[in-house]
Amino acid sequence: MDFPRCDRCGDAGCKIGEPGKFKNCPTNVSEIKREEIIERYHDPETQALMQTAAKVERGTLQPVNGVLTPIRPRISEIMAFADEMGWKKIGVAFCLAARDEGIKLTKVLEARGFEVCSVICRNFSMKKGEFDIPKEDCIKSENESVCNPVYQAELLNEAGTQLNIVLGLCVGHDMLFTKNSKAYVTTLSVKDRMTGNNTIAPLYSGFFTEILKKY
């Protein structure tokens, strides 16, 4: 094995600077490599994001009755991050299936003083047949509308958003959106049709065991 497999490590010594037992533990790096990686974080923009991430994390975890406790949800963390970075214009790329949540999110963002640009996935109603998607891979027919993540990203690029939030985009469409976005992208929620967007539920419930084996 010539690549990391951190899932096979029972030590997780990396959190205290102690390499794991595997030869390819990422903590087993030369001093030269270590310095090279750390130097990348000295890029001013990268350093600003790392420092802001630490500040937001610390602001979310506060002592309550002597216990370090999270005091705000991810939506608040995203807004706090944007505040710290000085970002005022936020884009929301949402799915048609998450339209209600998209409306609520934009209201929350605007109430906090952000300028919001939101773009729904089905913008300008492209058809699946236009992409040579075969009929057997369509839900109903080649004439049904299809998501348009590339144009979602382009519209937000044109709007000059400083941060884009993904809300409920399909697998694959979220990748295309992120690839084409000029602004940094963070995810508030992803689509999981079976679990009501509780994406990690199958990792905890035995009800999904056979499904995960088969599909």
N, C-alpha and C. Protein backbone atom coordinates (compact mmCIF):
# COMPACT_ATOMS: atom_id res chain seq x y z
N MET A 1 0.86 -1.20 0.00
CA MET A 1 0.00 0.00 0.00
C MET A 1 0.88 1.24 0.00
N ASP A 2 0.84 2.00 -1.07
CA ASP A 2 1.71 3.17 -1.18
C ASP A 2 0.93 4.48 -1.13
N PHE A 3 -0.20 4.44 -0.42
CA PHE A 3 -1.01 5.65 -0.28
C PHE A 3 -1.67 5.61 1.09
N PRO A 4 -2.08 6.76 1.61
CA PRO A 4 -2.67 6.79 2.96
C PRO A 4 -3.98 6.01 3.04
N ARG A 5 -4.20 5.35 4.17
CA ARG A 5 -5.47 4.73 4.50
C ARG A 5 -5.73 5.03 5.98
N CYS A 6 -6.08 6.27 6.25
CA CYS A 6 -6.27 6.70 7.63
C CYS A 6 -7.43 5.97 8.31
N ASP A 7 -8.34 5.42 7.51
CA ASP A 7 -9.46 4.68 8.11
C ASP A 7 -8.99 3.40 8.80
N ARG A 8 -7.81 2.90 8.44
CA ARG A 8 -7.29 1.67 9.02
C ARG A 8 -6.43 1.90 10.26
N CYS A 9 -6.26 3.15 10.62
CA CYS A 9 -5.42 3.48 11.76
C CYS A 9 -6.26 3.56 13.02
N GLY A 10 -5.84 2.84 14.06
CA GLY A 10 -6.58 2.89 15.31
C GLY A 10 -6.00 3.87 16.30
N ASP A 11 -4.94 4.54 15.91
CA ASP A 11 -4.23 5.42 16.84
C ASP A 11 -4.70 6.87 16.79
N ALA A 12 -4.88 7.38 15.56
CA ALA A 12 -5.19 8.80 15.36
C ALA A 12 -4.23 9.67 16.15
N GLY A 13 -2.96 9.22 16.15
CA GLY A 13 -1.94 9.98 16.87
C GLY A 13 -1.65 11.33 16.25
N CYS A 14 -2.16 11.54 15.03
CA CYS A 14 -1.90 12.80 14.34
C CYS A 14 -2.41 14.00 15.14
N LYS A 15 -3.42 13.77 15.97
CA LYS A 15 -3.97 14.92 16.71
C LYS A 15 -3.02 15.40 17.80
N ILE A 16 -2.03 14.56 18.15
CA ILE A 16 -1.03 15.01 19.13
C ILE A 16 0.38 14.94 18.54
N GLY A 17 0.45 14.83 17.20
CA GLY A 17 1.75 14.87 16.53
C GLY A 17 2.52 13.57 16.53
N GLU A 18 1.85 12.47 16.83
CA GLU A 18 2.53 11.18 16.83
C GLU A 18 2.09 10.36 15.63
N PRO A 19 3.02 9.98 14.75
CA PRO A 19 2.67 9.22 13.55
C PRO A 19 2.03 7.88 13.90
N GLY A 20 1.15 7.42 13.01
CA GLY A 20 0.53 6.12 13.18
C GLY A 20 1.49 5.01 12.83
N LYS A 21 1.02 3.78 12.94
CA LYS A 21 1.90 2.62 12.74
C LYS A 21 2.12 2.28 11.27
N PHE A 22 1.32 2.86 10.37
CA PHE A 22 1.46 2.54 8.96
C PHE A 22 2.58 3.36 8.32
N LYS A 23 3.29 2.72 7.42
CA LYS A 23 4.41 3.38 6.76
C LYS A 23 3.98 4.66 6.06
N ASN A 24 2.80 4.61 5.44
CA ASN A 24 2.35 5.76 4.66
C ASN A 24 1.42 6.68 5.46
N CYS A 25 1.55 6.67 6.77
CA CYS A 25 0.82 7.64 7.59
C CYS A 25 1.22 9.04 7.15
N PRO A 26 0.24 9.91 6.84
CA PRO A 26 0.57 11.27 6.39
C PRO A 26 1.39 12.07 7.39
N THR A 27 1.39 11.62 8.67
CA THR A 27 2.20 12.32 9.67
C THR A 27 3.68 11.98 9.54
N ASN A 28 3.97 10.87 8.85
CA ASN A 28 5.36 10.46 8.62
C ASN A 28 5.93 11.20 7.41
N VAL A 29 6.09 12.47 7.54
CA VAL A 29 6.66 13.25 6.44
C VAL A 29 8.02 13.79 6.85
N SER A 30 8.84 14.03 5.86
CA SER A 30 10.15 14.60 6.13
C SER A 30 9.99 16.05 6.56
N GLU A 31 10.99 16.57 7.21
CA GLU A 31 10.95 17.97 7.64
C GLU A 31 10.84 18.89 6.43
N ILE A 32 11.48 18.50 5.34
CA ILE A 32 11.42 19.32 4.11
C ILE A 32 9.99 19.38 3.60
N LYS A 33 9.33 18.21 3.55
CA LYS A 33 7.94 18.18 3.06
C LYS A 33 7.03 18.94 4.01
N ARG A 34 7.25 18.76 5.29
CA ARG A 34 6.44 19.46 6.28
C ARG A 34 6.54 20.98 6.11
N GLU A 35 7.75 21.46 5.94
CA GLU A 35 7.96 22.90 5.76
C GLU A 35 7.33 23.38 4.46
N GLU A 36 7.40 22.53 3.44
CA GLU A 36 6.80 22.90 2.14
C GLU A 36 5.29 23.06 2.26
N ILE A 37 4.64 22.11 2.95
CA ILE A 37 3.19 22.17 3.12
C ILE A 37 2.79 23.38 3.96
N ILE A 38 3.50 23.58 5.08
CA ILE A 38 3.19 24.73 5.94
C ILE A 38 3.37 26.04 5.20
N GLU A 39 4.35 26.10 4.34
CA GLU A 39 4.60 27.32 3.58
C GLU A 39 3.41 27.68 2.68
N ARG A 40 2.72 26.68 2.18
CA ARG A 40 1.55 26.94 1.33
C ARG A 40 0.48 27.72 2.10
N TYR A 41 0.40 27.44 3.39
CA TYR A 41 -0.60 28.13 4.21
C TYR A 41 -0.20 29.56 4.54
N HIS A 42 1.02 29.93 4.19
CA HIS A 42 1.46 31.31 4.40
C HIS A 42 1.05 32.23 3.25
N ASP A 43 0.49 31.63 2.21
CA ASP A 43 -0.15 32.47 1.18
C ASP A 43 -1.20 33.32 1.88
N PRO A 44 -1.20 34.64 1.68
CA PRO A 44 -2.08 35.53 2.45
C PRO A 44 -3.56 35.12 2.44
N GLU A 45 -4.07 34.74 1.27
CA GLU A 45 -5.48 34.38 1.18
C GLU A 45 -5.77 33.08 1.92
N THR A 46 -4.89 32.10 1.73
CA THR A 46 -5.06 30.82 2.41
C THR A 46 -4.94 31.00 3.92
N GLN A 47 -3.98 31.81 4.34
CA GLN A 47 -3.79 32.05 5.77
C GLN A 47 -5.01 32.73 6.38
N ALA A 48 -5.61 33.66 5.64
CA ALA A 48 -6.80 34.35 6.13
C ALA A 48 -7.95 33.37 6.34
N LEU A 49 -8.11 32.44 5.40
CA LEU A 49 -9.19 31.46 5.54
C LEU A 49 -8.94 30.51 6.71
N MET A 50 -7.70 30.09 6.89
CA MET A 50 -7.39 29.20 8.00
C MET A 50 -7.60 29.89 9.34
N GLN A 51 -7.17 31.12 9.43
CA GLN A 51 -7.34 31.87 10.67
C GLN A 51 -8.81 32.12 10.98
N THR A 52 -9.56 32.43 9.93
CA THR A 52 -11.00 32.66 10.11
C THR A 52 -11.72 31.39 10.50
N ALA A 53 -11.33 30.27 9.88
CA ALA A 53 -11.95 28.98 10.23
C ALA A 53 -11.73 28.66 11.71
N ALA A 54 -10.53 28.93 12.21
CA ALA A 54 -10.23 28.68 13.62
C ALA A 54 -11.06 29.59 14.52
N LYS A 55 -11.18 30.84 14.10
CA LYS A 55 -11.95 31.79 14.92
C LYS A 55 -13.43 31.42 14.97
N VAL A 56 -13.98 31.00 13.84
CA VAL A 56 -15.39 30.60 13.78
C VAL A 56 -15.62 29.33 14.60
N GLU A 57 -14.69 28.38 14.49
CA GLU A 57 -14.82 27.14 15.28
C GLU A 57 -14.81 27.46 16.77
N ARG A 58 -13.87 28.32 17.18
CA ARG A 58 -13.78 28.66 18.60
C ARG A 58 -15.01 29.43 19.06
N GLY A 59 -15.57 30.25 18.18
CA GLY A 59 -16.77 31.01 18.54
C GLY A 59 -18.00 30.14 18.66
N THR A 60 -17.97 28.99 18.00
CA THR A 60 -19.11 28.07 18.05
C THR A 60 -19.07 27.20 19.29
N LEU A 61 -17.88 26.91 19.79
CA LEU A 61 -17.72 26.07 20.97
C LEU A 61 -17.44 26.96 22.18
N GLN A 62 -18.40 27.03 23.07
CA GLN A 62 -18.28 27.87 24.26
C GLN A 62 -18.56 27.05 25.51
N PRO A 63 -17.90 27.39 26.62
CA PRO A 63 -18.16 26.65 27.86
C PRO A 63 -19.56 26.93 28.41
N VAL A 64 -20.31 25.88 28.61
CA VAL A 64 -21.63 25.97 29.22
C VAL A 64 -21.65 25.02 30.41
N ASN A 65 -21.77 25.57 31.61
CA ASN A 65 -21.71 24.75 32.84
C ASN A 65 -20.46 23.89 32.87
N GLY A 66 -19.37 24.47 32.40
CA GLY A 66 -18.09 23.77 32.44
C GLY A 66 -17.85 22.80 31.31
N VAL A 67 -18.78 22.71 30.38
CA VAL A 67 -18.65 21.78 29.25
C VAL A 67 -18.55 22.59 27.96
N LEU A 68 -17.54 22.28 27.13
CA LEU A 68 -17.40 22.96 25.84
C LEU A 68 -18.54 22.52 24.94
N THR A 69 -19.41 23.47 24.57
CA THR A 69 -20.68 23.14 23.94
C THR A 69 -20.90 23.97 22.68
N PRO A 70 -21.38 23.36 21.58
CA PRO A 70 -21.73 24.15 20.40
C PRO A 70 -22.93 25.03 20.68
N ILE A 71 -22.84 26.29 20.28
CA ILE A 71 -23.91 27.23 20.61
C ILE A 71 -24.61 27.79 19.37
N ARG A 72 -24.21 27.35 18.17
CA ARG A 72 -24.86 27.86 16.96
C ARG A 72 -24.78 26.83 15.84
N PRO A 73 -25.75 26.86 14.90
CA PRO A 73 -25.78 25.90 13.79
C PRO A 73 -24.87 26.34 12.65
N ARG A 74 -24.75 25.48 11.66
CA ARG A 74 -23.85 25.75 10.53
C ARG A 74 -24.25 27.03 9.77
N ILE A 75 -25.54 27.29 9.65
CA ILE A 75 -25.96 28.52 8.98
C ILE A 75 -25.31 29.72 9.65
N SER A 76 -25.31 29.75 10.96
CA SER A 76 -24.70 30.85 11.69
C SER A 76 -23.19 30.87 11.50
N GLU A 77 -22.59 29.69 11.45
CA GLU A 77 -21.14 29.62 11.23
C GLU A 77 -20.77 30.20 9.86
N ILE A 78 -21.56 29.88 8.85
CA ILE A 78 -21.29 30.41 7.51
C ILE A 78 -21.37 31.93 7.51
N MET A 79 -22.39 32.47 8.15
CA MET A 79 -22.53 33.93 8.19
C MET A 79 -21.41 34.57 9.01
N ALA A 80 -21.02 33.92 10.10
CA ALA A 80 -19.92 34.44 10.91
C ALA A 80 -18.62 34.43 10.10
N PHE A 81 -18.42 33.38 9.32
CA PHE A 81 -17.22 33.28 8.48
C PHE A 81 -17.21 34.42 7.46
N ALA A 82 -18.35 34.62 6.81
CA ALA A 82 -18.44 35.70 5.82
C ALA A 82 -18.18 37.06 6.47
N ASP A 83 -18.74 37.27 7.65
CA ASP A 83 -18.51 38.53 8.37
C ASP A 83 -17.02 38.74 8.62
N GLU A 84 -16.36 37.71 9.12
CA GLU A 84 -14.94 37.81 9.45
C GLU A 84 -14.09 38.08 8.21
N MET A 85 -14.49 37.51 7.08
CA MET A 85 -13.75 37.70 5.82
C MET A 85 -14.10 39.01 5.13
N GLY A 86 -15.13 39.69 5.63
CA GLY A 86 -15.54 40.93 4.99
C GLY A 86 -16.33 40.72 3.72
N TRP A 87 -16.92 39.52 3.56
CA TRP A 87 -17.71 39.21 2.38
C TRP A 87 -19.14 39.70 2.58
N LYS A 88 -19.62 40.49 1.66
CA LYS A 88 -20.96 41.08 1.78
C LYS A 88 -21.97 40.49 0.79
N LYS A 89 -21.46 39.93 -0.31
CA LYS A 89 -22.36 39.41 -1.35
C LYS A 89 -22.28 37.89 -1.39
N ILE A 90 -23.39 37.24 -1.11
CA ILE A 90 -23.43 35.78 -1.03
C ILE A 90 -24.37 35.21 -2.08
N GLY A 91 -23.90 34.16 -2.75
CA GLY A 91 -24.72 33.47 -3.73
C GLY A 91 -25.32 32.20 -3.13
N VAL A 92 -26.53 31.88 -3.56
CA VAL A 92 -27.18 30.64 -3.12
C VAL A 92 -27.55 29.84 -4.37
N ALA A 93 -26.94 28.68 -4.52
CA ALA A 93 -27.26 27.79 -5.64
C ALA A 93 -28.13 26.67 -5.07
N PHE A 94 -29.43 26.74 -5.35
CA PHE A 94 -30.32 25.77 -4.73
C PHE A 94 -31.06 24.93 -5.77
N CYS A 95 -31.49 23.77 -5.31
CA CYS A 95 -32.23 22.85 -6.15
C CYS A 95 -33.72 23.19 -6.11
N LEU A 96 -34.41 22.83 -7.17
CA LEU A 96 -35.86 23.01 -7.20
C LEU A 96 -36.51 22.31 -6.01
N ALA A 97 -35.99 21.14 -5.65
CA ALA A 97 -36.54 20.38 -4.53
C ALA A 97 -36.27 21.04 -3.18
N ALA A 98 -35.34 21.99 -3.16
CA ALA A 98 -35.01 22.69 -1.91
C ALA A 98 -35.42 24.17 -2.01
N ARG A 99 -36.42 24.43 -2.84
CA ARG A 99 -36.84 25.82 -3.06
C ARG A 99 -37.33 26.48 -1.77
N ASP A 100 -38.13 25.78 -1.00
CA ASP A 100 -38.63 26.36 0.26
C ASP A 100 -37.48 26.71 1.19
N GLU A 101 -36.51 25.80 1.29
CA GLU A 101 -35.35 26.07 2.14
C GLU A 101 -34.51 27.22 1.58
N GLY A 102 -34.43 27.30 0.24
CA GLY A 102 -33.70 28.38 -0.39
C GLY A 102 -34.31 29.74 -0.08
N ILE A 103 -35.63 29.80 -0.10
CA ILE A 103 -36.33 31.05 0.23
C ILE A 103 -36.06 31.44 1.68
N LYS A 104 -36.13 30.46 2.58
CA LYS A 104 -35.89 30.74 3.99
C LYS A 104 -34.44 31.18 4.22
N LEU A 105 -33.51 30.53 3.53
CA LEU A 105 -32.10 30.87 3.69
C LEU A 105 -31.81 32.30 3.24
N THR A 106 -32.35 32.67 2.09
CA THR A 106 -32.09 34.03 1.59
C THR A 106 -32.66 35.08 2.54
N LYS A 107 -33.78 34.78 3.15
CA LYS A 107 -34.37 35.72 4.11
C LYS A 107 -33.47 35.88 5.34
N VAL A 108 -32.92 34.76 5.80
CA VAL A 108 -32.01 34.82 6.94
C VAL A 108 -30.76 35.64 6.60
N LEU A 109 -30.20 35.38 5.41
CA LEU A 109 -29.00 36.09 4.98
C LEU A 109 -29.26 37.59 4.85
N GLU A 110 -30.39 37.93 4.25
CA GLU A 110 -30.72 39.35 4.07
C GLU A 110 -30.99 40.03 5.41
N ALA A 111 -31.60 39.31 6.33
CA ALA A 111 -31.86 39.88 7.65
C ALA A 111 -30.56 40.20 8.38
N ARG A 112 -29.50 39.46 8.03
CA ARG A 112 -28.19 39.72 8.63
C ARG A 112 -27.40 40.78 7.87
N GLY A 113 -28.00 41.33 6.81
CA GLY A 113 -27.36 42.43 6.10
C GLY A 113 -26.55 42.04 4.88
N PHE A 114 -26.63 40.77 4.46
CA PHE A 114 -25.90 40.35 3.26
C PHE A 114 -26.71 40.66 2.01
N GLU A 115 -25.99 40.94 0.93
CA GLU A 115 -26.63 41.05 -0.39
C GLU A 115 -26.64 39.65 -0.98
N VAL A 116 -27.80 39.22 -1.46
CA VAL A 116 -27.95 37.83 -1.88
C VAL A 116 -28.31 37.73 -3.35
N CYS A 117 -27.66 36.80 -4.03
CA CYS A 117 -28.05 36.43 -5.39
C CYS A 117 -28.34 34.94 -5.35
N SER A 118 -29.54 34.54 -5.78
CA SER A 118 -29.90 33.12 -5.72
C SER A 118 -30.28 32.63 -7.11
N VAL A 119 -29.85 31.39 -7.41
CA VAL A 119 -30.13 30.81 -8.72
C VAL A 119 -30.63 29.38 -8.53
N ILE A 120 -31.78 29.09 -9.10
CA ILE A 120 -32.36 27.75 -9.01
C ILE A 120 -31.71 26.83 -10.05
N CYS A 121 -31.75 25.53 -9.80
CA CYS A 121 -31.03 24.59 -10.66
C CYS A 121 -31.62 24.47 -12.07
N ARG A 122 -32.92 24.70 -12.21
CA ARG A 122 -33.55 24.47 -13.51
C ARG A 122 -33.56 25.72 -14.39
N ASN A 123 -32.68 26.65 -14.12
CA ASN A 123 -32.65 27.89 -14.89
C ASN A 123 -32.60 27.64 -16.40
N PHE A 124 -33.35 28.35 -17.10
CA PHE A 124 -33.68 28.33 -18.55
C PHE A 124 -34.07 26.98 -19.13
N SER A 125 -34.49 26.06 -18.27
CA SER A 125 -35.20 24.83 -18.67
C SER A 125 -34.54 24.05 -19.79
N MET A 126 -33.32 23.63 -19.58
CA MET A 126 -32.69 22.74 -20.55
C MET A 126 -33.36 21.36 -20.48
N LYS A 127 -33.33 20.66 -21.58
CA LYS A 127 -33.93 19.33 -21.64
C LYS A 127 -32.86 18.25 -21.65
N LYS A 128 -33.16 17.12 -21.05
CA LYS A 128 -32.17 16.04 -20.97
C LYS A 128 -31.75 15.55 -22.35
N GLY A 129 -32.69 15.61 -23.30
CA GLY A 129 -32.37 15.18 -24.66
C GLY A 129 -31.31 16.04 -25.30
N GLU A 130 -31.16 17.28 -24.85
CA GLU A 130 -30.15 18.18 -25.41
C GLU A 130 -28.74 17.71 -25.07
N PHE A 131 -28.61 16.85 -24.08
CA PHE A 131 -27.30 16.34 -23.67
C PHE A 131 -27.10 14.89 -24.08
N ASP A 132 -27.97 14.43 -24.95
CA ASP A 132 -27.91 13.04 -25.41
C ASP A 132 -28.03 12.05 -24.26
N ILE A 133 -28.78 12.43 -23.24
CA ILE A 133 -29.07 11.50 -22.15
C ILE A 133 -30.12 10.51 -22.67
N PRO A 134 -29.82 9.22 -22.66
CA PRO A 134 -30.76 8.24 -23.24
C PRO A 134 -32.06 8.17 -22.45
N LYS A 135 -33.12 7.77 -23.12
CA LYS A 135 -34.45 7.73 -22.52
C LYS A 135 -34.49 6.87 -21.26
N GLU A 136 -33.72 5.76 -21.28
CA GLU A 136 -33.75 4.86 -20.12
C GLU A 136 -33.11 5.49 -18.88
N ASP A 137 -32.38 6.56 -19.06
CA ASP A 137 -31.78 7.26 -17.92
C ASP A 137 -32.57 8.51 -17.54
N CYS A 138 -33.74 8.67 -18.13
CA CYS A 138 -34.62 9.78 -17.78
C CYS A 138 -35.73 9.24 -16.87
N ILE A 139 -36.24 10.10 -16.02
CA ILE A 139 -37.31 9.68 -15.12
C ILE A 139 -38.60 9.47 -15.90
N LYS A 140 -38.89 10.40 -16.82
CA LYS A 140 -40.09 10.28 -17.64
C LYS A 140 -39.75 10.25 -19.12
N SER A 141 -39.06 11.27 -19.58
CA SER A 141 -38.73 11.33 -21.01
C SER A 141 -37.54 12.26 -21.22
N GLU A 142 -37.04 12.27 -22.44
CA GLU A 142 -35.91 13.14 -22.79
C GLU A 142 -36.30 14.61 -22.76
N ASN A 143 -37.60 14.89 -22.70
CA ASN A 143 -38.07 16.27 -22.71
C ASN A 143 -38.20 16.88 -21.32
N GLU A 144 -37.90 16.09 -20.28
CA GLU A 144 -37.97 16.66 -18.94
C GLU A 144 -36.79 17.60 -18.71
N SER A 145 -37.01 18.59 -17.89
CA SER A 145 -35.96 19.57 -17.65
C SER A 145 -34.84 18.96 -16.81
N VAL A 146 -33.66 19.54 -16.94
CA VAL A 146 -32.49 19.03 -16.26
C VAL A 146 -31.79 20.19 -15.55
N CYS A 147 -31.08 19.87 -14.50
CA CYS A 147 -30.37 20.90 -13.74
C CYS A 147 -29.27 21.54 -14.60
N ASN A 148 -28.94 22.77 -14.27
CA ASN A 148 -27.98 23.54 -15.06
C ASN A 148 -26.94 24.18 -14.13
N PRO A 149 -26.09 23.36 -13.48
CA PRO A 149 -25.16 23.89 -12.50
C PRO A 149 -24.07 24.79 -13.08
N VAL A 150 -23.70 24.55 -14.33
CA VAL A 150 -22.66 25.39 -14.95
C VAL A 150 -23.15 26.83 -15.07
N TYR A 151 -24.41 26.98 -15.49
CA TYR A 151 -24.95 28.33 -15.63
C TYR A 151 -25.28 28.94 -14.27
N GLN A 152 -25.65 28.10 -13.31
CA GLN A 152 -25.82 28.61 -11.94
C GLN A 152 -24.53 29.31 -11.49
N ALA A 153 -23.41 28.63 -11.70
CA ALA A 153 -22.12 29.20 -11.31
C ALA A 153 -21.80 30.45 -12.12
N GLU A 154 -22.09 30.41 -13.42
CA GLU A 154 -21.78 31.56 -14.27
C GLU A 154 -22.57 32.80 -13.85
N LEU A 155 -23.84 32.61 -13.54
CA LEU A 155 -24.67 33.74 -13.12
C LEU A 155 -24.16 34.34 -11.80
N LEU A 156 -23.75 33.48 -10.89
CA LEU A 156 -23.21 33.98 -9.63
C LEU A 156 -21.84 34.63 -9.83
N ASN A 157 -21.07 34.10 -10.77
CA ASN A 157 -19.80 34.75 -11.13
C ASN A 157 -20.05 36.15 -11.66
N GLU A 158 -21.04 36.27 -12.54
CA GLU A 158 -21.36 37.58 -13.12
C GLU A 158 -21.88 38.55 -12.06
N ALA A 159 -22.54 38.01 -11.05
CA ALA A 159 -23.06 38.85 -9.97
C ALA A 159 -21.95 39.30 -9.03
N GLY A 160 -20.80 38.66 -9.13
CA GLY A 160 -19.67 39.04 -8.29
C GLY A 160 -19.80 38.58 -6.85
N THR A 161 -20.41 37.41 -6.64
CA THR A 161 -20.55 36.90 -5.27
C THR A 161 -19.17 36.59 -4.70
N GLN A 162 -19.05 36.75 -3.40
CA GLN A 162 -17.78 36.48 -2.71
C GLN A 162 -17.77 35.12 -2.03
N LEU A 163 -18.93 34.56 -1.85
CA LEU A 163 -19.09 33.23 -1.28
C LEU A 163 -20.36 32.64 -1.85
N ASN A 164 -20.31 31.37 -2.23
CA ASN A 164 -21.50 30.69 -2.75
C ASN A 164 -21.88 29.53 -1.83
N ILE A 165 -23.17 29.42 -1.56
CA ILE A 165 -23.69 28.35 -0.71
C ILE A 165 -24.47 27.37 -1.57
N VAL A 166 -24.11 26.10 -1.48
CA VAL A 166 -24.83 25.03 -2.18
C VAL A 166 -25.94 24.51 -1.28
N LEU A 167 -27.13 24.39 -1.86
CA LEU A 167 -28.28 23.93 -1.09
C LEU A 167 -29.04 22.89 -1.90
N GLY A 168 -28.79 21.61 -1.59
CA GLY A 168 -29.59 20.53 -2.15
C GLY A 168 -29.30 20.11 -3.58
N LEU A 169 -28.14 20.45 -4.12
CA LEU A 169 -27.85 20.05 -5.50
C LEU A 169 -27.58 18.54 -5.58
N CYS A 170 -27.87 17.97 -6.75
CA CYS A 170 -27.67 16.54 -6.97
C CYS A 170 -26.18 16.19 -7.00
N VAL A 171 -25.89 14.91 -6.74
CA VAL A 171 -24.53 14.42 -6.91
C VAL A 171 -24.10 14.63 -8.37
N GLY A 172 -22.95 15.18 -8.58
CA GLY A 172 -22.47 15.47 -9.93
C GLY A 172 -22.73 16.91 -10.30
N HIS A 173 -23.96 17.35 -10.10
CA HIS A 173 -24.28 18.75 -10.36
C HIS A 173 -23.55 19.65 -9.37
N ASP A 174 -23.44 19.18 -8.11
CA ASP A 174 -22.70 19.97 -7.13
C ASP A 174 -21.22 20.08 -7.51
N MET A 175 -20.68 19.01 -8.12
CA MET A 175 -19.29 19.03 -8.55
C MET A 175 -19.07 20.03 -9.67
N LEU A 176 -19.99 20.04 -10.63
CA LEU A 176 -19.87 20.97 -11.75
C LEU A 176 -20.02 22.41 -11.28
N PHE A 177 -20.93 22.62 -10.33
CA PHE A 177 -21.10 23.97 -9.80
C PHE A 177 -19.81 24.44 -9.12
N THR A 178 -19.27 23.60 -8.27
CA THR A 178 -18.06 23.97 -7.54
C THR A 178 -16.89 24.23 -8.48
N LYS A 179 -16.77 23.38 -9.50
CA LYS A 179 -15.67 23.53 -10.45
C LYS A 179 -15.76 24.85 -11.21
N ASN A 180 -16.97 25.30 -11.50
CA ASN A 180 -17.15 26.50 -12.32
C ASN A 180 -17.33 27.78 -11.52
N SER A 181 -17.43 27.67 -10.20
CA SER A 181 -17.60 28.86 -9.37
C SER A 181 -16.27 29.56 -9.16
N LYS A 182 -16.26 30.86 -9.36
CA LYS A 182 -15.05 31.64 -9.08
C LYS A 182 -14.91 31.94 -7.59
N ALA A 183 -16.04 32.04 -6.90
CA ALA A 183 -16.01 32.30 -5.46
C ALA A 183 -15.84 30.98 -4.71
N TYR A 184 -15.40 31.09 -3.48
CA TYR A 184 -15.34 29.90 -2.64
C TYR A 184 -16.75 29.34 -2.45
N VAL A 185 -16.83 28.02 -2.31
CA VAL A 185 -18.11 27.34 -2.18
C VAL A 185 -18.16 26.59 -0.85
N THR A 186 -19.27 26.71 -0.15
CA THR A 186 -19.52 25.90 1.04
C THR A 186 -20.88 25.24 0.89
N THR A 187 -21.07 24.12 1.53
CA THR A 187 -22.32 23.37 1.41
C THR A 187 -23.12 23.47 2.70
N LEU A 188 -24.37 23.87 2.57
CA LEU A 188 -25.26 23.89 3.73
C LEU A 188 -26.02 22.58 3.83
N SER A 189 -26.47 22.08 2.68
CA SER A 189 -27.23 20.83 2.67
C SER A 189 -27.07 20.16 1.32
N VAL A 190 -27.05 18.84 1.34
CA VAL A 190 -26.97 18.09 0.08
C VAL A 190 -28.22 17.23 -0.07
N LYS A 191 -28.47 16.81 -1.28
CA LYS A 191 -29.68 16.04 -1.56
C LYS A 191 -29.47 14.56 -1.26
N ASP A 192 -30.38 14.00 -0.51
CA ASP A 192 -30.45 12.56 -0.32
C ASP A 192 -31.92 12.19 -0.35
N ARG A 193 -32.37 11.74 -1.49
CA ARG A 193 -33.80 11.50 -1.72
C ARG A 193 -34.37 10.48 -0.75
N MET A 194 -33.58 9.50 -0.37
CA MET A 194 -34.10 8.40 0.44
C MET A 194 -34.19 8.76 1.92
N THR A 195 -33.24 9.56 2.41
CA THR A 195 -33.19 9.82 3.85
C THR A 195 -33.70 11.20 4.24
N GLY A 196 -34.30 11.93 3.30
CA GLY A 196 -34.74 13.27 3.62
C GLY A 196 -33.56 14.18 3.92
N ASN A 197 -32.47 13.97 3.17
CA ASN A 197 -31.24 14.78 3.26
C ASN A 197 -30.43 14.52 4.53
N ASN A 198 -30.73 13.44 5.23
CA ASN A 198 -29.90 13.04 6.36
C ASN A 198 -28.87 12.06 5.83
N THR A 199 -27.84 12.60 5.18
CA THR A 199 -26.96 11.81 4.32
C THR A 199 -26.16 10.73 5.03
N ILE A 200 -25.85 10.91 6.30
CA ILE A 200 -25.03 9.89 6.96
C ILE A 200 -25.85 8.88 7.75
N ALA A 201 -27.17 8.99 7.68
CA ALA A 201 -28.01 8.02 8.37
C ALA A 201 -27.69 6.57 7.98
N PRO A 202 -27.41 6.27 6.71
CA PRO A 202 -27.12 4.87 6.35
C PRO A 202 -25.87 4.31 7.02
N LEU A 203 -24.99 5.17 7.52
CA LEU A 203 -23.80 4.68 8.21
C LEU A 203 -24.11 4.21 9.63
N TYR A 204 -25.27 4.62 10.14
CA TYR A 204 -25.62 4.33 11.53
C TYR A 204 -26.77 3.33 11.67
N SER A 205 -27.53 3.13 10.63
CA SER A 205 -28.72 2.30 10.73
C SER A 205 -28.56 0.99 9.97
N GLY A 206 -28.89 -0.10 10.64
CA GLY A 206 -28.83 -1.41 10.01
C GLY A 206 -29.85 -1.58 8.89
N PHE A 207 -30.86 -0.72 8.84
CA PHE A 207 -31.86 -0.81 7.79
C PHE A 207 -31.25 -0.64 6.40
N PHE A 208 -30.08 0.01 6.33
CA PHE A 208 -29.47 0.31 5.04
C PHE A 208 -28.39 -0.69 4.66
N THR A 209 -28.13 -1.67 5.51
CA THR A 209 -27.00 -2.56 5.28
C THR A 209 -27.06 -3.25 3.92
N GLU A 210 -28.20 -3.87 3.61
CA GLU A 210 -28.32 -4.61 2.35
C GLU A 210 -28.33 -3.65 1.15
N ILE A 211 -28.91 -2.47 1.35
CA ILE A 211 -28.94 -1.48 0.26
C ILE A 211 -27.53 -1.06 -0.10
N LEU A 212 -26.70 -0.81 0.92
CA LEU A 212 -25.34 -0.37 0.66
C LEU A 212 -24.51 -1.47 0.00
N LYS A 213 -24.83 -2.73 0.32
CA LYS A 213 -24.11 -3.84 -0.31
C LYS A 213 -24.49 -3.98 -1.78
N LYS A 214 -25.76 -3.77 -2.06
CA LYS A 214 -26.27 -4.05 -3.40
C LYS A 214 -26.05 -2.91 -4.36
N TYR A 215 -26.24 -1.68 -3.88
CA TYR A 215 -26.20 -0.54 -4.79
C TYR A 215 -24.94 0.30 -4.61
